[in-house]
Amino acid sequence: MRTGRRRWWVVNGWWNFEWLLKVCFVIEIIHMSNNNCKFCNGNMRYVYNYSGYDVIQCTNCHSSTISTLPSIEELEKFYDGFLFNADLCKKPAVVNKHIKAWYKSFNLRQQANMLDVGGGGGYFSFAFERFGFGKAFYIDIDHQACEFASSSLGLKNVINSAVENLHEHCKEKEFDFIYCRHVIEHLLEPTRNITNIIKLMKDDSVFVLQCPNGYSLEKSFYISNTKRKIKNLVSCNQFSFFAALRIMLSKKIVFGLEPIRHLWSITPKGLDSFLAQIDGIEYSVFTASLSDPVFSPWVSQTKNFKNKLLLKISQIFCSRFTGGAHLVAIIRKSPSAETS
């Protein structure tokens, strides 16, 4: 009798221990999810693990981030020499008629001032000055990117600093055109930095904000990219292949979230909800395809036949349903209004 009772306690004791671990896990997930979305103030919930990071997603706008963000020191170390786009042969993709016409469409004043926020080497600053629109100021955390911008592109107004320090360097300046291209998804506090950039706007200035579209499936036809994501989901979560594929085709895949490089995946609904809360601005939010020569200059002008074909297929089957890979907001100050 005692042996049977001992066996019962061993079996059920182990089961109780497993049950306790599961309860602790659920409590931890609830704790991680006990945050409000920075964009729409919705509830955040755990969705899966990706590359060792716990991904949490807003139940309302589906914007996502990771539960534990890295420190500023970790980010500075990661971006020291990041410089993924710094190559002079890529300059023609930006210095062309498409970019010139785009700048011209904003009807900027003569000799305008541009602020290029973290522009990946300063190509758009270079084009702005080359086309004679005025003077460009380029800020980037990567000192090698800044070195490339000043020595290789010849830019004079280069600021090697984090975007978070923008006001320290630019509070005495006025800007007619501000371009923040694929930066906010890298930041610890994206909404705070958007607000701070808006505070630098003049009454008649334009602020163009660009980041990955969290809803987009446009890159899913790049097979190597899709295989890598599925493999990651399977290995980190013990999902089956089909379960991972189902997530890939749902809103849970959160396009653009690639820790530690990309810390946020932002959806059109999330960005629109956030901007709607800011007084004194007028804005439009839309998406742009990988084939767009302005918002995706290097990809759109590829000479590779296979990549061209993939671009066309992804446009037909993905862009029309989930939007382009790029999320864009064009922001202006309301007439005679000041941003709070």
Foldseek 3Di string as FASTA:
>chain_A
DVVVVVVVCVVVVVVVVVVVVVVVVVVVQVVLQPAADPQQRATWGFDAAFPNFTKIAGPPFGKIFTSDADDPVVLLVVQAPVLPPLDPVLLVLCQDDQNLVVVVVLVFDQQFEEEEEQPRQCSNQLNCVVSRRHHYAYEHCHVVSQVNNCPVSVHDHYHNDHLVCVCVPDVVDAGQEYEYAADLQQDPNSLVSVLVVLQRYDQNHKYKYKHFAQQFPLCVLVPVVVVVQLVRRCVRGVDDSVVSVVCSNDSNSRPRHDPPRGRMRGHQVSNVSRVVPKPFKDKDKAADACLDSNNNSPQNPDPDPVSVVSSVVSCVPTCVPRNHGMIMMMMHGDHPDHID
